[in-house]
Amino acid sequence: MNKEFIPPLGALALKELGFDEPCIGFYKGNYDVKAVDQHWGSSISGISKKGGYRIDDLVLAPTFSQAFRWFRDKYELHSWITIELGATLTFCWVISGEHKGTEHKPYLKTYEEAEIQCLGRLISIVNEKQATKKAKESI
């Protein structure tokens, strides 16, 4: 089941970008994902208050689907995983958006590897966008 969730470092990067969508899981440190108790709610503040955790120790654990949707909705970055047919079956991630048109990374061995690399590139794009915006504002 853990394969459904963004790995801890990716989830932390999303938190730093402002991700705070309702999730069914969370990380406390770099450990396995923990399920959110239905009585806590699904926000960081609810988990912290009712679960007895320090808010700084918690990171929401979105599914890949949630994270990709968040990038579409918040940053208009559309992404998907596709197959590459050749001598061997490989996978490719594709990102389309305002940042620089469309970019892709072919020839990855597994679908999961393509998801993780795609997520990493989405995070990089948003970080670059935010750094550029800050640089312009400081001029």
N, C-alpha and C. Protein backbone atom coordinates (compact mmCIF):
# COMPACT_ATOMS: atom_id res chain seq x y z
N MET A 1 0.82 -1.20 0.00
CA MET A 1 0.00 0.00 0.00
C MET A 1 0.86 1.27 0.00
N ASN A 2 2.06 1.21 0.57
CA ASN A 2 2.91 2.40 0.64
C ASN A 2 3.30 2.93 -0.74
N LYS A 3 3.26 2.07 -1.78
CA LYS A 3 3.59 2.51 -3.13
C LYS A 3 2.62 3.57 -3.65
N GLU A 4 1.44 3.65 -3.05
CA GLU A 4 0.43 4.61 -3.49
C GLU A 4 0.78 6.03 -3.06
N PHE A 5 1.62 6.17 -2.05
CA PHE A 5 1.91 7.47 -1.46
C PHE A 5 3.23 8.04 -1.94
N ILE A 6 3.29 9.37 -2.00
CA ILE A 6 4.53 10.06 -2.31
C ILE A 6 5.55 9.69 -1.23
N PRO A 7 6.80 9.37 -1.59
CA PRO A 7 7.81 9.07 -0.57
C PRO A 7 8.03 10.27 0.37
N PRO A 8 8.56 10.02 1.57
CA PRO A 8 8.69 11.09 2.58
C PRO A 8 9.40 12.36 2.09
N LEU A 9 10.50 12.24 1.37
CA LEU A 9 11.21 13.45 0.93
C LEU A 9 10.39 14.25 -0.08
N GLY A 10 9.67 13.56 -0.95
CA GLY A 10 8.79 14.24 -1.89
C GLY A 10 7.64 14.92 -1.18
N ALA A 11 7.09 14.24 -0.17
CA ALA A 11 6.00 14.83 0.62
C ALA A 11 6.47 16.07 1.36
N LEU A 12 7.70 16.04 1.87
CA LEU A 12 8.26 17.20 2.55
C LEU A 12 8.44 18.37 1.57
N ALA A 13 8.91 18.07 0.37
CA ALA A 13 9.06 19.11 -0.66
C ALA A 13 7.71 19.72 -1.01
N LEU A 14 6.67 18.89 -1.08
CA LEU A 14 5.32 19.41 -1.35
C LEU A 14 4.85 20.30 -0.21
N LYS A 15 5.13 19.90 1.02
CA LYS A 15 4.76 20.72 2.18
C LYS A 15 5.42 22.10 2.07
N GLU A 16 6.69 22.12 1.67
CA GLU A 16 7.41 23.39 1.53
C GLU A 16 6.85 24.25 0.41
N LEU A 17 6.19 23.62 -0.57
CA LEU A 17 5.54 24.37 -1.65
C LEU A 17 4.14 24.84 -1.25
N GLY A 18 3.67 24.39 -0.09
CA GLY A 18 2.35 24.83 0.38
C GLY A 18 1.25 23.79 0.25
N PHE A 19 1.60 22.54 -0.05
CA PHE A 19 0.57 21.50 -0.14
C PHE A 19 -0.08 21.29 1.22
N ASP A 20 -1.39 21.42 1.28
CA ASP A 20 -2.13 21.18 2.53
C ASP A 20 -3.53 20.66 2.21
N GLU A 21 -3.60 19.74 1.26
CA GLU A 21 -4.88 19.14 0.88
C GLU A 21 -5.22 18.01 1.84
N PRO A 22 -6.49 17.69 1.99
CA PRO A 22 -6.86 16.55 2.84
C PRO A 22 -6.21 15.26 2.34
N CYS A 23 -5.62 14.50 3.25
CA CYS A 23 -4.95 13.24 2.91
C CYS A 23 -5.40 12.14 3.86
N ILE A 24 -5.25 10.91 3.41
CA ILE A 24 -5.60 9.78 4.27
C ILE A 24 -4.40 9.23 5.02
N GLY A 25 -3.23 9.80 4.76
CA GLY A 25 -2.02 9.35 5.43
C GLY A 25 -1.09 10.50 5.75
N PHE A 26 -0.14 10.24 6.64
CA PHE A 26 0.86 11.25 6.98
C PHE A 26 2.15 10.57 7.41
N TYR A 27 3.23 11.33 7.38
CA TYR A 27 4.52 10.86 7.86
C TYR A 27 4.87 11.61 9.14
N LYS A 28 5.44 10.88 10.07
CA LYS A 28 6.03 11.50 11.26
C LYS A 28 7.50 11.10 11.18
N GLY A 29 8.34 12.03 10.74
CA GLY A 29 9.73 11.70 10.44
C GLY A 29 9.79 11.00 9.10
N ASN A 30 10.83 10.23 8.87
CA ASN A 30 10.99 9.52 7.60
C ASN A 30 10.53 8.07 7.70
N TYR A 31 9.49 7.84 8.47
CA TYR A 31 9.02 6.48 8.68
C TYR A 31 7.91 6.14 7.70
N ASP A 32 7.40 4.94 7.81
CA ASP A 32 6.29 4.51 6.96
C ASP A 32 5.10 5.42 7.16
N VAL A 33 4.28 5.46 6.13
CA VAL A 33 3.08 6.28 6.18
C VAL A 33 2.14 5.75 7.26
N LYS A 34 1.51 6.66 7.98
CA LYS A 34 0.53 6.31 9.00
C LYS A 34 -0.84 6.74 8.52
N ALA A 35 -1.85 5.97 8.85
CA ALA A 35 -3.22 6.31 8.45
C ALA A 35 -3.77 7.41 9.35
N VAL A 36 -4.54 8.29 8.77
CA VAL A 36 -5.20 9.34 9.53
C VAL A 36 -6.44 8.75 10.17
N ASP A 37 -6.59 8.93 11.47
CA ASP A 37 -7.80 8.50 12.18
C ASP A 37 -8.95 9.38 11.70
N GLN A 38 -10.08 8.79 11.37
CA GLN A 38 -11.20 9.56 10.82
C GLN A 38 -11.69 10.65 11.77
N HIS A 39 -11.44 10.53 13.06
CA HIS A 39 -11.89 11.54 14.03
C HIS A 39 -10.95 12.74 14.09
N TRP A 40 -9.76 12.63 13.50
CA TRP A 40 -8.80 13.72 13.54
C TRP A 40 -9.05 14.75 12.45
N GLY A 41 -9.74 14.36 11.41
CA GLY A 41 -9.80 15.20 10.22
C GLY A 41 -8.59 14.87 9.37
N SER A 42 -8.45 15.54 8.26
CA SER A 42 -7.36 15.16 7.35
C SER A 42 -6.38 16.31 7.10
N SER A 43 -6.42 17.33 7.95
CA SER A 43 -5.47 18.44 7.81
C SER A 43 -4.35 18.27 8.83
N ILE A 44 -3.24 18.96 8.59
CA ILE A 44 -2.11 18.90 9.52
C ILE A 44 -2.53 19.37 10.91
N SER A 45 -3.30 20.45 10.98
CA SER A 45 -3.69 20.97 12.31
C SER A 45 -4.59 19.98 13.04
N GLY A 46 -5.51 19.34 12.34
CA GLY A 46 -6.39 18.35 12.97
C GLY A 46 -5.62 17.14 13.46
N ILE A 47 -4.69 16.65 12.65
CA ILE A 47 -3.88 15.50 13.04
C ILE A 47 -3.03 15.86 14.25
N SER A 48 -2.47 17.06 14.23
CA SER A 48 -1.61 17.51 15.33
C SER A 48 -2.39 17.61 16.64
N LYS A 49 -3.53 18.29 16.60
CA LYS A 49 -4.32 18.50 17.82
C LYS A 49 -4.87 17.20 18.38
N LYS A 50 -5.55 16.44 17.54
CA LYS A 50 -6.26 15.26 18.04
C LYS A 50 -5.39 14.02 18.12
N GLY A 51 -4.30 13.99 17.36
CA GLY A 51 -3.41 12.83 17.40
C GLY A 51 -2.28 12.99 18.39
N GLY A 52 -2.14 14.20 18.94
CA GLY A 52 -1.10 14.44 19.93
C GLY A 52 0.30 14.57 19.35
N TYR A 53 0.40 14.99 18.09
CA TYR A 53 1.70 15.16 17.45
C TYR A 53 2.05 16.64 17.36
N ARG A 54 3.34 16.95 17.36
CA ARG A 54 3.78 18.33 17.10
C ARG A 54 3.61 18.60 15.61
N ILE A 55 3.06 19.76 15.30
CA ILE A 55 2.76 20.09 13.90
C ILE A 55 4.02 20.10 13.03
N ASP A 56 5.16 20.50 13.60
CA ASP A 56 6.41 20.55 12.82
C ASP A 56 6.93 19.16 12.47
N ASP A 57 6.49 18.15 13.21
CA ASP A 57 6.96 16.78 12.98
C ASP A 57 6.14 16.05 11.92
N LEU A 58 5.05 16.67 11.45
CA LEU A 58 4.13 15.98 10.56
C LEU A 58 4.27 16.45 9.12
N VAL A 59 4.12 15.51 8.21
CA VAL A 59 4.09 15.81 6.78
C VAL A 59 2.96 14.98 6.19
N LEU A 60 2.05 15.64 5.49
CA LEU A 60 0.97 14.91 4.83
C LEU A 60 1.55 13.95 3.80
N ALA A 61 0.89 12.82 3.62
CA ALA A 61 1.34 11.82 2.65
C ALA A 61 0.29 11.69 1.55
N PRO A 62 0.37 12.56 0.53
CA PRO A 62 -0.60 12.45 -0.55
C PRO A 62 -0.30 11.25 -1.44
N THR A 63 -1.32 10.79 -2.13
CA THR A 63 -1.09 9.78 -3.17
C THR A 63 -0.50 10.49 -4.38
N PHE A 64 0.06 9.72 -5.29
CA PHE A 64 0.58 10.32 -6.51
C PHE A 64 -0.53 11.05 -7.26
N SER A 65 -1.69 10.44 -7.30
CA SER A 65 -2.83 11.06 -7.99
C SER A 65 -3.16 12.43 -7.40
N GLN A 66 -3.18 12.53 -6.07
CA GLN A 66 -3.45 13.81 -5.42
C GLN A 66 -2.39 14.85 -5.76
N ALA A 67 -1.14 14.45 -5.73
CA ALA A 67 -0.05 15.39 -6.01
C ALA A 67 -0.12 15.89 -7.45
N PHE A 68 -0.33 14.98 -8.40
CA PHE A 68 -0.40 15.40 -9.80
C PHE A 68 -1.60 16.32 -10.02
N ARG A 69 -2.73 16.03 -9.38
CA ARG A 69 -3.91 16.90 -9.48
C ARG A 69 -3.60 18.28 -8.91
N TRP A 70 -2.91 18.32 -7.77
CA TRP A 70 -2.56 19.59 -7.13
C TRP A 70 -1.69 20.45 -8.06
N PHE A 71 -0.71 19.85 -8.72
CA PHE A 71 0.12 20.60 -9.67
C PHE A 71 -0.71 21.10 -10.86
N ARG A 72 -1.68 20.29 -11.31
CA ARG A 72 -2.56 20.75 -12.40
C ARG A 72 -3.40 21.94 -11.96
N ASP A 73 -4.04 21.79 -10.80
CA ASP A 73 -4.96 22.83 -10.32
C ASP A 73 -4.25 24.11 -9.90
N LYS A 74 -3.17 24.00 -9.18
CA LYS A 74 -2.50 25.17 -8.61
C LYS A 74 -1.53 25.84 -9.59
N TYR A 75 -0.84 25.06 -10.40
CA TYR A 75 0.22 25.61 -11.26
C TYR A 75 0.00 25.38 -12.76
N GLU A 76 -1.12 24.78 -13.12
CA GLU A 76 -1.42 24.47 -14.52
C GLU A 76 -0.31 23.66 -15.19
N LEU A 77 0.25 22.75 -14.42
CA LEU A 77 1.26 21.82 -14.93
C LEU A 77 0.59 20.46 -15.09
N HIS A 78 0.39 20.06 -16.32
CA HIS A 78 -0.28 18.80 -16.62
C HIS A 78 0.78 17.73 -16.88
N SER A 79 0.61 16.59 -16.24
CA SER A 79 1.62 15.54 -16.39
C SER A 79 0.94 14.19 -16.52
N TRP A 80 1.64 13.28 -17.17
CA TRP A 80 1.15 11.92 -17.31
C TRP A 80 2.31 10.98 -17.60
N ILE A 81 2.03 9.71 -17.38
CA ILE A 81 3.00 8.64 -17.65
C ILE A 81 2.48 7.85 -18.84
N THR A 82 3.36 7.54 -19.75
CA THR A 82 2.97 6.77 -20.92
C THR A 82 4.01 5.66 -21.16
N ILE A 83 3.67 4.73 -22.02
CA ILE A 83 4.62 3.65 -22.33
C ILE A 83 5.38 3.98 -23.60
N GLU A 84 6.58 3.45 -23.69
CA GLU A 84 7.41 3.56 -24.88
C GLU A 84 7.57 2.13 -25.41
N LEU A 85 7.06 1.90 -26.59
CA LEU A 85 7.18 0.57 -27.19
C LEU A 85 8.44 0.51 -28.03
N GLY A 86 9.21 -0.51 -27.80
CA GLY A 86 10.45 -0.72 -28.54
C GLY A 86 10.88 -2.15 -28.32
N ALA A 87 12.18 -2.37 -28.33
CA ALA A 87 12.70 -3.72 -28.08
C ALA A 87 12.27 -4.20 -26.70
N THR A 88 12.21 -3.26 -25.75
CA THR A 88 11.71 -3.58 -24.41
C THR A 88 10.67 -2.53 -24.03
N LEU A 89 9.80 -2.89 -23.15
CA LEU A 89 8.77 -1.97 -22.68
C LEU A 89 9.40 -1.01 -21.67
N THR A 90 9.31 0.27 -21.93
CA THR A 90 9.79 1.28 -20.99
C THR A 90 8.70 2.33 -20.80
N PHE A 91 8.94 3.24 -19.88
CA PHE A 91 7.95 4.26 -19.55
C PHE A 91 8.54 5.65 -19.72
N CYS A 92 7.66 6.61 -19.87
CA CYS A 92 8.06 7.99 -20.12
C CYS A 92 7.14 8.91 -19.35
N TRP A 93 7.69 9.95 -18.71
CA TRP A 93 6.82 10.98 -18.13
C TRP A 93 6.80 12.17 -19.06
N VAL A 94 5.67 12.87 -19.05
CA VAL A 94 5.48 14.05 -19.89
C VAL A 94 4.88 15.14 -19.02
N ILE A 95 5.41 16.36 -19.15
CA ILE A 95 4.86 17.52 -18.44
C ILE A 95 4.59 18.60 -19.47
N SER A 96 3.38 19.14 -19.43
CA SER A 96 2.99 20.21 -20.32
C SER A 96 2.46 21.36 -19.50
N GLY A 97 2.93 22.57 -19.80
CA GLY A 97 2.47 23.74 -19.05
C GLY A 97 3.14 25.00 -19.54
N GLU A 98 2.89 26.08 -18.84
CA GLU A 98 3.42 27.39 -19.22
C GLU A 98 4.93 27.50 -19.06
N HIS A 99 5.52 26.66 -18.23
CA HIS A 99 6.94 26.82 -17.88
C HIS A 99 7.86 26.85 -19.10
N LYS A 100 7.72 25.94 -20.00
CA LYS A 100 8.47 25.95 -21.26
C LYS A 100 7.87 25.01 -22.28
N GLY A 101 6.59 24.93 -22.30
CA GLY A 101 5.94 24.05 -23.26
C GLY A 101 5.87 22.64 -22.71
N THR A 102 6.31 21.69 -23.52
CA THR A 102 6.23 20.28 -23.12
C THR A 102 7.64 19.72 -22.97
N GLU A 103 7.84 18.93 -21.93
CA GLU A 103 9.11 18.22 -21.78
C GLU A 103 8.81 16.79 -21.36
N HIS A 104 9.75 15.91 -21.63
CA HIS A 104 9.53 14.51 -21.29
C HIS A 104 10.86 13.83 -20.99
N LYS A 105 10.75 12.67 -20.36
CA LYS A 105 11.92 11.84 -20.03
C LYS A 105 11.56 10.41 -20.40
N PRO A 106 12.11 9.90 -21.49
CA PRO A 106 11.78 8.53 -21.91
C PRO A 106 12.71 7.47 -21.31
N TYR A 107 12.37 6.23 -21.58
CA TYR A 107 13.19 5.05 -21.32
C TYR A 107 13.43 4.75 -19.84
N LEU A 108 12.39 4.89 -19.05
CA LEU A 108 12.49 4.50 -17.64
C LEU A 108 11.97 3.08 -17.49
N LYS A 109 12.58 2.32 -16.61
CA LYS A 109 12.29 0.89 -16.53
C LYS A 109 10.93 0.55 -15.93
N THR A 110 10.47 1.35 -14.96
CA THR A 110 9.19 1.02 -14.31
C THR A 110 8.27 2.24 -14.28
N TYR A 111 7.00 1.97 -14.18
CA TYR A 111 5.99 3.03 -14.07
C TYR A 111 6.25 3.86 -12.81
N GLU A 112 6.59 3.17 -11.72
CA GLU A 112 6.83 3.86 -10.45
C GLU A 112 8.03 4.80 -10.55
N GLU A 113 9.08 4.36 -11.23
CA GLU A 113 10.25 5.22 -11.44
C GLU A 113 9.85 6.47 -12.23
N ALA A 114 9.00 6.29 -13.23
CA ALA A 114 8.53 7.43 -14.02
C ALA A 114 7.70 8.39 -13.15
N GLU A 115 6.84 7.85 -12.28
CA GLU A 115 6.06 8.71 -11.38
C GLU A 115 6.96 9.54 -10.47
N ILE A 116 7.93 8.89 -9.86
CA ILE A 116 8.82 9.58 -8.92
C ILE A 116 9.63 10.66 -9.64
N GLN A 117 10.17 10.33 -10.82
CA GLN A 117 10.95 11.33 -11.56
C GLN A 117 10.07 12.48 -12.04
N CYS A 118 8.86 12.18 -12.46
CA CYS A 118 7.93 13.22 -12.90
C CYS A 118 7.61 14.16 -11.74
N LEU A 119 7.33 13.59 -10.59
CA LEU A 119 7.05 14.40 -9.41
C LEU A 119 8.24 15.29 -9.07
N GLY A 120 9.44 14.73 -9.11
CA GLY A 120 10.65 15.51 -8.84
C GLY A 120 10.81 16.67 -9.80
N ARG A 121 10.52 16.43 -11.07
CA ARG A 121 10.63 17.52 -12.05
C ARG A 121 9.56 18.58 -11.81
N LEU A 122 8.34 18.18 -11.47
CA LEU A 122 7.28 19.15 -11.15
C LEU A 122 7.70 20.04 -9.98
N ILE A 123 8.26 19.43 -8.96
CA ILE A 123 8.74 20.19 -7.79
C ILE A 123 9.83 21.17 -8.22
N SER A 124 10.75 20.71 -9.06
CA SER A 124 11.83 21.59 -9.55
C SER A 124 11.28 22.76 -10.35
N ILE A 125 10.31 22.50 -11.20
CA ILE A 125 9.72 23.57 -12.02
C ILE A 125 9.12 24.64 -11.13
N VAL A 126 8.36 24.23 -10.12
CA VAL A 126 7.72 25.21 -9.24
C VAL A 126 8.77 25.95 -8.41
N ASN A 127 9.78 25.24 -7.92
CA ASN A 127 10.86 25.91 -7.18
C ASN A 127 11.56 26.95 -8.05
N GLU A 128 11.84 26.60 -9.31
CA GLU A 128 12.47 27.54 -10.24
C GLU A 128 11.58 28.75 -10.47
N LYS A 129 10.29 28.49 -10.66
CA LYS A 129 9.32 29.56 -10.89
C LYS A 129 9.27 30.51 -9.69
N GLN A 130 9.25 29.95 -8.48
CA GLN A 130 9.20 30.78 -7.28
C GLN A 130 10.50 31.56 -7.08
N ALA A 131 11.63 30.96 -7.39
CA ALA A 131 12.92 31.66 -7.26
C ALA A 131 13.00 32.82 -8.24
N THR A 132 12.52 32.61 -9.46
CA THR A 132 12.50 33.67 -10.47
C THR A 132 11.60 34.81 -10.02
N LYS A 133 10.45 34.47 -9.48
CA LYS A 133 9.50 35.48 -9.00
C LYS A 133 10.12 36.30 -7.86
N LYS A 134 10.78 35.63 -6.91
CA LYS A 134 11.43 36.34 -5.80
C LYS A 134 12.54 37.26 -6.30
N ALA A 135 13.31 36.77 -7.26
CA ALA A 135 14.41 37.58 -7.81
C ALA A 135 13.87 38.85 -8.47
N LYS A 136 12.77 38.73 -9.20
CA LYS A 136 12.16 39.89 -9.86
C LYS A 136 11.61 40.88 -8.83
N GLU A 137 11.03 40.35 -7.75
CA GLU A 137 10.46 41.21 -6.71
C GLU A 137 11.53 41.97 -5.94
N SER A 138 12.73 41.40 -5.85
CA SER A 138 13.79 42.05 -5.08
C SER A 138 14.54 43.12 -5.87
N ILE A 139 14.23 43.22 -7.14
CA ILE A 139 14.91 44.23 -7.99
C ILE A 139 14.25 45.58 -7.82
